[in-house]
Amino acid sequence: MTPWVKRLLLLNGIAYLLTGVVQVIPWIYFAFIPAYIVVRPWTAVTYMFLHAGFWHLGFNMLALFFFGPRLEARLGGRQFLWLYFISGIVGAVLSFAMTPRSPIPIVGASGAVFGVLLGFARYWPREKIYIWGVLPIEARALVIVATMASLYFGFSGGGGNIAHFGHLGGFLGGFLYLLWWDRRSPAARFKAKAQAPIRRSVGSNGTDIKRWQRIDRNDMHPVNQEELDRILDKISADGVDSLTSDERDFLERFSAR
């Protein structure tokens, strides 16, 4: 369990206890209501910590538990947190854009969690996910199916009391943030340097290998430790030129720390 996933799970659980179980806090003032966004702008954030019932909370937290830790380990805590909140906020913004006069409260971390799901599918598109523990589907296919369903039910008005545009906004927010991050991250800077001819020289490659071999494993997540071992073994067996751009990005990101 990574730090920010653990904290988000805890915060959502506490918020549910205070607003849904003991009800010491009037949740209606923290739910997102499109028609009231001008007078209650804070609700574009606070609605992410409210849930309509135990199963609503459970489903969202289960998804965060499964998809969040691996993504946080990949992006880092700060970037993961930005992805989470931007996805949730864009979910609220899109809900407002599509239903600006709606008086119906919107609650739930679904938009934020959908952004996390998109990030997971971005980096591990072929990872198998088992719906209800039985039906296998690749992460990228799950995102496509969820997007199509949200579009259909959002514009048709079906699908029950579900904020489908909030889900779509979560995907959109996650996509935009990852697009921005991919251009600003240390990996992106490495890609720019990799285009220089010197990157292909034997001396440069030898220097890179020594730097990559000095990566401190102690502060790495076990998943990243396994990936580091795999890539270094690949270099030993096939040489530096066999690395993909993603594998080079991985090594550069951790060697820069």
C-alpha atoms as a PDB file:
ATOM      1  CA  MET A   1       0.000   0.000   0.000  1.00  0.00           C
ATOM      2  CA  THR A   2       1.514   3.324  -1.069  1.00  0.00           C
ATOM      3  CA  PRO A   3       1.302   6.436   1.188  1.00  0.00           C
ATOM      4  CA  TRP A   4      -1.226   8.579  -0.677  1.00  0.00           C
ATOM      5  CA  VAL A   5      -3.526   5.711  -1.586  1.00  0.00           C
ATOM      6  CA  LYS A   6      -3.618   4.785   2.090  1.00  0.00           C
ATOM      7  CA  ARG A   7      -4.410   8.374   3.106  1.00  0.00           C
ATOM      8  CA  LEU A   8      -7.129   8.771   0.496  1.00  0.00           C
ATOM      9  CA  LEU A   9      -8.776   5.532   1.589  1.00  0.00           C
ATOM     10  CA  LEU A  10      -8.679   6.737   5.192  1.00  0.00           C
ATOM     11  CA  LEU A  11     -10.031  10.203   4.378  1.00  0.00           C
ATOM     12  CA  ASN A  12     -12.902   8.800   2.349  1.00  0.00           C
ATOM     13  CA  GLY A  13     -13.747   6.366   5.140  1.00  0.00           C
ATOM     14  CA  ILE A  14     -13.740   9.107   7.785  1.00  0.00           C
ATOM     15  CA  ALA A  15     -15.855  11.396   5.595  1.00  0.00           C
ATOM     16  CA  TYR A  16     -18.405   8.619   5.116  1.00  0.00           C
ATOM     17  CA  LEU A  17     -18.611   8.013   8.860  1.00  0.00           C
ATOM     18  CA  LEU A  18     -19.106  11.720   9.601  1.00  0.00           C
ATOM     19  CA  THR A  19     -21.649  12.417   6.850  1.00  0.00           C
ATOM     20  CA  GLY A  20     -23.333   9.083   6.224  1.00  0.00           C
ATOM     21  CA  VAL A  21     -23.252   7.119   9.470  1.00  0.00           C
ATOM     22  CA  VAL A  22     -23.258   9.452  12.475  1.00  0.00           C
ATOM     23  CA  GLN A  23     -24.253  12.424  10.281  1.00  0.00           C
ATOM     24  CA  VAL A  24     -22.558  15.104  12.374  1.00  0.00           C
ATOM     25  CA  ILE A  25     -21.780  17.089   9.221  1.00  0.00           C
ATOM     26  CA  PRO A  26     -24.558  18.262   6.820  1.00  0.00           C
ATOM     27  CA  TRP A  27     -23.285  16.647   3.629  1.00  0.00           C
ATOM     28  CA  ILE A  28     -25.568  18.691   1.371  1.00  0.00           C
ATOM     29  CA  TYR A  29     -23.285  21.737   1.758  1.00  0.00           C
ATOM     30  CA  PHE A  30     -20.326  19.748   0.484  1.00  0.00           C
ATOM     31  CA  ALA A  31     -21.994  17.845  -2.350  1.00  0.00           C
ATOM     32  CA  PHE A  32     -21.508  19.191  -5.865  1.00  0.00           C
ATOM     33  CA  ILE A  33     -24.709  20.723  -7.264  1.00  0.00           C
ATOM     34  CA  PRO A  34     -24.181  22.154 -10.767  1.00  0.00           C
ATOM     35  CA  ALA A  35     -26.785  24.874 -10.301  1.00  0.00           C
ATOM     36  CA  TYR A  36     -25.028  26.113  -7.140  1.00  0.00           C
ATOM     37  CA  ILE A  37     -21.419  26.047  -8.331  1.00  0.00           C
ATOM     38  CA  VAL A  38     -21.090  29.857  -8.243  1.00  0.00           C
ATOM     39  CA  VAL A  39     -22.063  30.113  -4.575  1.00  0.00           C
ATOM     40  CA  ARG A  40     -20.419  26.819  -3.512  1.00  0.00           C
ATOM     41  CA  PRO A  41     -17.210  26.526  -5.553  1.00  0.00           C
ATOM     42  CA  TRP A  42     -15.487  24.409  -2.888  1.00  0.00           C
ATOM     43  CA  THR A  43     -17.859  21.549  -3.654  1.00  0.00           C
ATOM     44  CA  ALA A  44     -15.905  20.761  -6.855  1.00  0.00           C
ATOM     45  CA  VAL A  45     -13.350  19.259  -4.453  1.00  0.00           C
ATOM     46  CA  THR A  46     -15.325  18.199  -1.384  1.00  0.00           C
ATOM     47  CA  TYR A  47     -17.850  16.110  -3.336  1.00  0.00           C
ATOM     48  CA  MET A  48     -15.052  13.594  -4.006  1.00  0.00           C
ATOM     49  CA  PHE A  49     -15.050  12.583  -0.342  1.00  0.00           C
ATOM     50  CA  LEU A  50     -18.802  12.015  -0.025  1.00  0.00           C
ATOM     51  CA  HIS A  51     -20.670   8.843  -0.980  1.00  0.00           C
ATOM     52  CA  ALA A  52     -24.320   7.925  -1.311  1.00  0.00           C
ATOM     53  CA  GLY A  53     -24.004   4.642   0.577  1.00  0.00           C
ATOM     54  CA  PHE A  54     -21.699   1.907   1.745  1.00  0.00           C
ATOM     55  CA  TRP A  55     -21.629   0.092  -1.601  1.00  0.00           C
ATOM     56  CA  HIS A  56     -20.913   3.329  -3.445  1.00  0.00           C
ATOM     57  CA  LEU A  57     -17.975   3.969  -1.120  1.00  0.00           C
ATOM     58  CA  GLY A  58     -16.850   0.341  -1.265  1.00  0.00           C
ATOM     59  CA  PHE A  59     -16.770   0.142  -5.053  1.00  0.00           C
ATOM     60  CA  ASN A  60     -14.755   3.346  -5.439  1.00  0.00           C
ATOM     61  CA  MET A  61     -12.301   2.472  -2.672  1.00  0.00           C
ATOM     62  CA  LEU A  62     -11.838  -1.057  -4.003  1.00  0.00           C
ATOM     63  CA  ALA A  63     -10.915   0.372  -7.420  1.00  0.00           C
ATOM     64  CA  LEU A  64      -8.532   2.865  -5.786  1.00  0.00           C
ATOM     65  CA  PHE A  65      -6.980   0.056  -3.748  1.00  0.00           C
ATOM     66  CA  PHE A  66      -6.323  -2.093  -6.833  1.00  0.00           C
ATOM     67  CA  PHE A  67      -5.238   0.550  -9.357  1.00  0.00           C
ATOM     68  CA  GLY A  68      -3.769   3.273  -7.153  1.00  0.00           C
ATOM     69  CA  PRO A  69      -0.637   1.802  -5.528  1.00  0.00           C
ATOM     70  CA  ARG A  70       1.023   0.680  -8.738  1.00  0.00           C
ATOM     71  CA  LEU A  71       0.280   4.006 -10.422  1.00  0.00           C
ATOM     72  CA  GLU A  72       1.522   6.030  -7.439  1.00  0.00           C
ATOM     73  CA  ALA A  73       4.741   3.985  -7.453  1.00  0.00           C
ATOM     74  CA  ARG A  74       5.151   4.773 -11.150  1.00  0.00           C
ATOM     75  CA  LEU A  75       4.364   8.503 -11.027  1.00  0.00           C
ATOM     76  CA  GLY A  76       5.488   9.415  -7.533  1.00  0.00           C
ATOM     77  CA  GLY A  77       3.247  10.628  -4.710  1.00  0.00           C
ATOM     78  CA  ARG A  78       2.949  14.270  -5.756  1.00  0.00           C
ATOM     79  CA  GLN A  79       2.082  13.525  -9.381  1.00  0.00           C
ATOM     80  CA  PHE A  80      -0.370  10.817  -8.343  1.00  0.00           C
ATOM     81  CA  LEU A  81      -2.168  13.232  -6.050  1.00  0.00           C
ATOM     82  CA  TRP A  82      -2.378  15.871  -8.793  1.00  0.00           C
ATOM     83  CA  LEU A  83      -3.785  13.267 -11.160  1.00  0.00           C
ATOM     84  CA  TYR A  84      -6.399  12.225  -8.604  1.00  0.00           C
ATOM     85  CA  PHE A  85      -7.667  15.711  -7.791  1.00  0.00           C
ATOM     86  CA  ILE A  86      -7.517  17.079 -11.324  1.00  0.00           C
ATOM     87  CA  SER A  87      -9.532  14.098 -12.559  1.00  0.00           C
ATOM     88  CA  GLY A  88     -12.166  14.665  -9.883  1.00  0.00           C
ATOM     89  CA  ILE A  89     -12.338  18.424 -10.480  1.00  0.00           C
ATOM     90  CA  VAL A  90     -12.651  18.027 -14.253  1.00  0.00           C
ATOM     91  CA  GLY A  91     -15.416  15.510 -13.548  1.00  0.00           C
ATOM     92  CA  ALA A  92     -17.298  18.250 -11.695  1.00  0.00           C
ATOM     93  CA  VAL A  93     -16.556  20.822 -14.408  1.00  0.00           C
ATOM     94  CA  LEU A  94     -17.851  18.574 -17.185  1.00  0.00           C
ATOM     95  CA  SER A  95     -20.961  17.736 -15.161  1.00  0.00           C
ATOM     96  CA  PHE A  96     -21.609  21.460 -14.817  1.00  0.00           C
ATOM     97  CA  ALA A  97     -20.933  22.093 -18.508  1.00  0.00           C
ATOM     98  CA  MET A  98     -23.414  19.416 -19.588  1.00  0.00           C
ATOM     99  CA  THR A  99     -26.092  20.074 -16.927  1.00  0.00           C
ATOM    100  CA  PRO A 100     -25.542  23.642 -15.672  1.00  0.00           C
ATOM    101  CA  ARG A 101     -29.028  24.052 -14.172  1.00  0.00           C
ATOM    102  CA  SER A 102     -29.281  20.665 -12.513  1.00  0.00           C
ATOM    103  CA  PRO A 103     -30.287  20.798  -8.803  1.00  0.00           C
ATOM    104  CA  ILE A 104     -29.339  17.153  -8.263  1.00  0.00           C
ATOM    105  CA  PRO A 105     -26.394  16.647  -5.847  1.00  0.00           C
ATOM    106  CA  ILE A 106     -23.400  14.744  -7.163  1.00  0.00           C
ATOM    107  CA  VAL A 107     -21.187  12.847  -4.718  1.00  0.00           C
ATOM    108  CA  GLY A 108     -18.461  10.257  -4.941  1.00  0.00           C
ATOM    109  CA  ALA A 109     -14.821   9.722  -5.821  1.00  0.00           C
ATOM    110  CA  SER A 110     -15.747   8.091  -9.130  1.00  0.00           C
ATOM    111  CA  GLY A 111     -14.353  10.885 -11.317  1.00  0.00           C
ATOM    112  CA  ALA A 112     -11.026  10.827  -9.478  1.00  0.00           C
ATOM    113  CA  VAL A 113     -10.902   7.021  -9.529  1.00  0.00           C
ATOM    114  CA  PHE A 114     -11.689   6.957 -13.250  1.00  0.00           C
ATOM    115  CA  GLY A 115      -8.658   9.192 -13.756  1.00  0.00           C
ATOM    116  CA  VAL A 116      -6.574   6.684 -11.800  1.00  0.00           C
ATOM    117  CA  LEU A 117      -7.971   3.869 -13.960  1.00  0.00           C
ATOM    118  CA  LEU A 118      -6.991   5.775 -17.089  1.00  0.00           C
ATOM    119  CA  GLY A 119      -3.475   6.244 -15.740  1.00  0.00           C
ATOM    120  CA  PHE A 120      -3.234   2.532 -14.975  1.00  0.00           C
ATOM    121  CA  ALA A 121      -4.378   1.650 -18.484  1.00  0.00           C
ATOM    122  CA  ARG A 122      -1.923   4.190 -19.927  1.00  0.00           C
ATOM    123  CA  TYR A 123       1.085   2.408 -18.440  1.00  0.00           C
ATOM    124  CA  TRP A 124      -0.206  -1.172 -18.300  1.00  0.00           C
ATOM    125  CA  PRO A 125      -2.724  -1.377 -21.169  1.00  0.00           C
ATOM    126  CA  ARG A 126      -2.688  -5.174 -21.462  1.00  0.00           C
ATOM    127  CA  GLU A 127      -2.977  -5.881 -17.746  1.00  0.00           C
ATOM    128  CA  LYS A 128      -5.868  -8.285 -17.123  1.00  0.00           C
ATOM    129  CA  ILE A 129      -8.602  -7.055 -14.780  1.00  0.00           C
ATOM    130  CA  TYR A 130     -11.196  -9.494 -13.505  1.00  0.00           C
ATOM    131  CA  ILE A 131     -14.685  -8.011 -13.215  1.00  0.00           C
ATOM    132  CA  TRP A 132     -16.340  -9.385 -10.097  1.00  0.00           C
ATOM    133  CA  GLY A 133     -13.289 -11.632  -9.850  1.00  0.00           C
ATOM    134  CA  VAL A 134     -14.474 -13.720 -12.803  1.00  0.00           C
ATOM    135  CA  LEU A 135     -14.625 -11.909 -16.153  1.00  0.00           C
ATOM    136  CA  PRO A 136     -11.170 -11.002 -17.565  1.00  0.00           C
ATOM    137  CA  ILE A 137     -10.713  -7.786 -19.529  1.00  0.00           C
ATOM    138  CA  GLU A 138      -7.618  -5.806 -20.457  1.00  0.00           C
ATOM    139  CA  ALA A 139      -7.205  -2.410 -18.768  1.00  0.00           C
ATOM    140  CA  ARG A 140      -7.323  -0.520 -22.061  1.00  0.00           C
ATOM    141  CA  ALA A 141     -10.505  -2.344 -23.089  1.00  0.00           C
ATOM    142  CA  LEU A 142     -12.114  -1.539 -19.740  1.00  0.00           C
ATOM    143  CA  VAL A 143     -11.454   2.177 -20.282  1.00  0.00           C
ATOM    144  CA  ILE A 144     -12.977   2.005 -23.772  1.00  0.00           C
ATOM    145  CA  VAL A 145     -16.067   0.140 -22.530  1.00  0.00           C
ATOM    146  CA  ALA A 146     -16.519   2.526 -19.598  1.00  0.00           C
ATOM    147  CA  THR A 147     -16.167   5.541 -21.896  1.00  0.00           C
ATOM    148  CA  MET A 148     -18.727   4.230 -24.383  1.00  0.00           C
ATOM    149  CA  ALA A 149     -21.163   3.363 -21.598  1.00  0.00           C
ATOM    150  CA  SER A 150     -20.787   6.787 -19.983  1.00  0.00           C
ATOM    151  CA  LEU A 151     -21.330   8.525 -23.314  1.00  0.00           C
ATOM    152  CA  TYR A 152     -24.424   6.475 -24.064  1.00  0.00           C
ATOM    153  CA  PHE A 153     -26.060   6.773 -20.659  1.00  0.00           C
ATOM    154  CA  GLY A 154     -24.956  10.386 -20.209  1.00  0.00           C
ATOM    155  CA  PHE A 155     -26.653  11.588 -23.392  1.00  0.00           C
ATOM    156  CA  SER A 156     -29.607   9.197 -23.230  1.00  0.00           C
ATOM    157  CA  GLY A 157     -30.392   9.961 -19.615  1.00  0.00           C
ATOM    158  CA  GLY A 158     -30.423   6.294 -18.645  1.00  0.00           C
ATOM    159  CA  GLY A 159     -28.319   4.266 -16.289  1.00  0.00           C
ATOM    160  CA  GLY A 160     -29.917   5.332 -13.000  1.00  0.00           C
ATOM    161  CA  ASN A 161     -28.670   7.985 -10.593  1.00  0.00           C
ATOM    162  CA  ILE A 162     -25.087   7.916 -11.838  1.00  0.00           C
ATOM    163  CA  ALA A 163     -23.069  10.991 -12.798  1.00  0.00           C
ATOM    164  CA  HIS A 164     -21.909   9.684 -16.172  1.00  0.00           C
ATOM    165  CA  PHE A 165     -20.477  13.016 -17.235  1.00  0.00           C
ATOM    166  CA  GLY A 166     -18.465  13.021 -14.007  1.00  0.00           C
ATOM    167  CA  HIS A 167     -16.947   9.709 -15.093  1.00  0.00           C
ATOM    168  CA  LEU A 168     -16.134  11.086 -18.521  1.00  0.00           C
ATOM    169  CA  GLY A 169     -14.636  14.174 -16.912  1.00  0.00           C
ATOM    170  CA  GLY A 170     -12.447  11.919 -14.778  1.00  0.00           C
ATOM    171  CA  PHE A 171     -11.101  10.240 -17.890  1.00  0.00           C
ATOM    172  CA  LEU A 172     -10.612  13.624 -19.564  1.00  0.00           C
ATOM    173  CA  GLY A 173      -8.855  15.156 -16.569  1.00  0.00           C
ATOM    174  CA  GLY A 174      -6.581  12.145 -16.218  1.00  0.00           C
ATOM    175  CA  PHE A 175      -5.758  12.196 -19.922  1.00  0.00           C
ATOM    176  CA  LEU A 176      -4.925  15.916 -19.940  1.00  0.00           C
ATOM    177  CA  TYR A 177      -2.773  15.711 -16.834  1.00  0.00           C
ATOM    178  CA  LEU A 178      -0.800  12.705 -18.084  1.00  0.00           C
ATOM    179  CA  LEU A 179      -0.358  14.422 -21.448  1.00  0.00           C
ATOM    180  CA  TRP A 180       1.079  17.457 -19.673  1.00  0.00           C
ATOM    181  CA  TRP A 181       3.193  15.358 -17.322  1.00  0.00           C
ATOM    182  CA  ASP A 182       4.642  13.265 -20.145  1.00  0.00           C
ATOM    183  CA  ARG A 183       5.987  16.486 -21.672  1.00  0.00           C
ATOM    184  CA  ARG A 184       7.331  17.949 -18.439  1.00  0.00           C
ATOM    185  CA  SER A 185       8.651  14.888 -16.604  1.00  0.00           C
ATOM    186  CA  PRO A 186      12.316  13.894 -16.264  1.00  0.00           C
ATOM    187  CA  ALA A 187      11.548  11.113 -18.734  1.00  0.00           C
ATOM    188  CA  ALA A 188      10.509  13.694 -21.325  1.00  0.00           C
ATOM    189  CA  ARG A 189      13.744  15.607 -20.824  1.00  0.00           C
ATOM    190  CA  PHE A 190      15.651  12.394 -21.290  1.00  0.00           C
ATOM    191  CA  LYS A 191      13.831  11.733 -24.572  1.00  0.00           C
ATOM    192  CA  ALA A 192      14.929  15.126 -25.831  1.00  0.00           C
ATOM    193  CA  LYS A 193      18.529  14.356 -24.948  1.00  0.00           C
ATOM    194  CA  ALA A 194      18.265  10.896 -26.462  1.00  0.00           C
ATOM    195  CA  GLN A 195      17.752  12.447 -29.889  1.00  0.00           C
ATOM    196  CA  ALA A 196      21.301  13.814 -29.858  1.00  0.00           C
ATOM    197  CA  PRO A 197      23.850  11.714 -31.801  1.00  0.00           C
ATOM    198  CA  ILE A 198      26.098  11.427 -28.739  1.00  0.00           C
ATOM    199  CA  ARG A 199      23.535   9.133 -27.143  1.00  0.00           C
ATOM    200  CA  ARG A 200      24.523   6.404 -29.578  1.00  0.00           C
ATOM    201  CA  SER A 201      28.232   6.589 -28.875  1.00  0.00           C
ATOM    202  CA  VAL A 202      29.889   3.718 -27.005  1.00  0.00           C
ATOM    203  CA  GLY A 203      31.357   6.007 -24.368  1.00  0.00           C
ATOM    204  CA  SER A 204      28.017   7.616 -23.616  1.00  0.00           C
ATOM    205  CA  ASN A 205      26.278   4.273 -23.307  1.00  0.00           C
ATOM    206  CA  GLY A 206      28.990   3.038 -20.968  1.00  0.00           C
ATOM    207  CA  THR A 207      28.564   6.107 -18.776  1.00  0.00           C
ATOM    208  CA  ASP A 208      24.800   5.597 -18.702  1.00  0.00           C
ATOM    209  CA  ILE A 209      25.143   1.964 -17.661  1.00  0.00           C
ATOM    210  CA  LYS A 210      27.401   2.865 -14.742  1.00  0.00           C
ATOM    211  CA  ARG A 211      24.948   5.578 -13.639  1.00  0.00           C
ATOM    212  CA  TRP A 212      21.976   3.242 -13.920  1.00  0.00           C
ATOM    213  CA  GLN A 213      23.779   0.558 -11.943  1.00  0.00           C
ATOM    214  CA  ARG A 214      24.241   3.049  -9.095  1.00  0.00           C
ATOM    215  CA  ILE A 215      20.469   3.588  -8.685  1.00  0.00           C
ATOM    216  CA  ASP A 216      19.601   3.327  -4.983  1.00  0.00           C
ATOM    217  CA  ARG A 217      17.204   0.405  -4.583  1.00  0.00           C
ATOM    218  CA  ASN A 218      16.432   1.091  -0.909  1.00  0.00           C
ATOM    219  CA  ASP A 219      13.908   3.868  -1.612  1.00  0.00           C
ATOM    220  CA  MET A 220      12.211   2.051  -4.500  1.00  0.00           C
ATOM    221  CA  HIS A 221       8.858   0.293  -4.388  1.00  0.00           C
ATOM    222  CA  PRO A 222       9.171  -3.514  -4.793  1.00  0.00           C
ATOM    223  CA  VAL A 223       7.438  -3.292  -8.172  1.00  0.00           C
ATOM    224  CA  ASN A 224      10.046  -0.782  -9.373  1.00  0.00           C
ATOM    225  CA  GLN A 225      12.866  -2.902  -7.935  1.00  0.00           C
ATOM    226  CA  GLU A 226      11.695  -5.849 -10.033  1.00  0.00           C
ATOM    227  CA  GLU A 227      11.482  -3.661 -13.124  1.00  0.00           C
ATOM    228  CA  LEU A 228      15.002  -2.312 -12.504  1.00  0.00           C
ATOM    229  CA  ASP A 229      16.402  -5.838 -12.222  1.00  0.00           C
ATOM    230  CA  ARG A 230      14.636  -6.887 -15.397  1.00  0.00           C
ATOM    231  CA  ILE A 231      15.981  -3.957 -17.420  1.00  0.00           C
ATOM    232  CA  LEU A 232      19.549  -4.342 -16.128  1.00  0.00           C
ATOM    233  CA  ASP A 233      19.432  -8.045 -16.993  1.00  0.00           C
ATOM    234  CA  LYS A 234      18.230  -7.110 -20.461  1.00  0.00           C
ATOM    235  CA  ILE A 235      21.179  -4.736 -20.902  1.00  0.00           C
ATOM    236  CA  SER A 236      23.586  -7.475 -19.822  1.00  0.00           C
ATOM    237  CA  ALA A 237      22.076  -9.941 -22.270  1.00  0.00           C
ATOM    238  CA  ASP A 238      21.292  -7.775 -25.310  1.00  0.00           C
ATOM    239  CA  GLY A 239      23.054  -4.447 -24.847  1.00  0.00           C
ATOM    240  CA  VAL A 240      21.866  -0.865 -24.372  1.00  0.00           C
ATOM    241  CA  ASP A 241      20.493  -0.574 -27.897  1.00  0.00           C
ATOM    242  CA  SER A 242      17.876  -3.230 -27.093  1.00  0.00           C
ATOM    243  CA  LEU A 243      16.131  -0.917 -24.599  1.00  0.00           C
ATOM    244  CA  THR A 244      12.798   0.620 -25.484  1.00  0.00           C
ATOM    245  CA  SER A 245      12.153   4.322 -24.922  1.00  0.00           C
ATOM    246  CA  ASP A 246       9.959   3.506 -21.893  1.00  0.00           C
ATOM    247  CA  GLU A 247      12.735   1.420 -20.353  1.00  0.00           C
ATOM    248  CA  ARG A 248      15.261   4.241 -20.860  1.00  0.00           C
ATOM    249  CA  ASP A 249      12.743   6.675 -19.352  1.00  0.00           C
ATOM    250  CA  PHE A 250      12.412   4.436 -16.294  1.00  0.00           C
ATOM    251  CA  LEU A 251      16.183   4.278 -15.733  1.00  0.00           C
ATOM    252  CA  GLU A 252      16.637   8.029 -16.262  1.00  0.00           C
ATOM    253  CA  ARG A 253      13.862   8.920 -13.858  1.00  0.00           C
ATOM    254  CA  PHE A 254      15.326   6.917 -10.987  1.00  0.00           C
ATOM    255  CA  SER A 255      18.961   7.755 -11.701  1.00  0.00           C
ATOM    256  CA  ALA A 256      18.085  11.477 -11.550  1.00  0.00           C
ATOM    257  CA  ARG A 257      16.890  11.229  -7.956  1.00  0.00           C
END
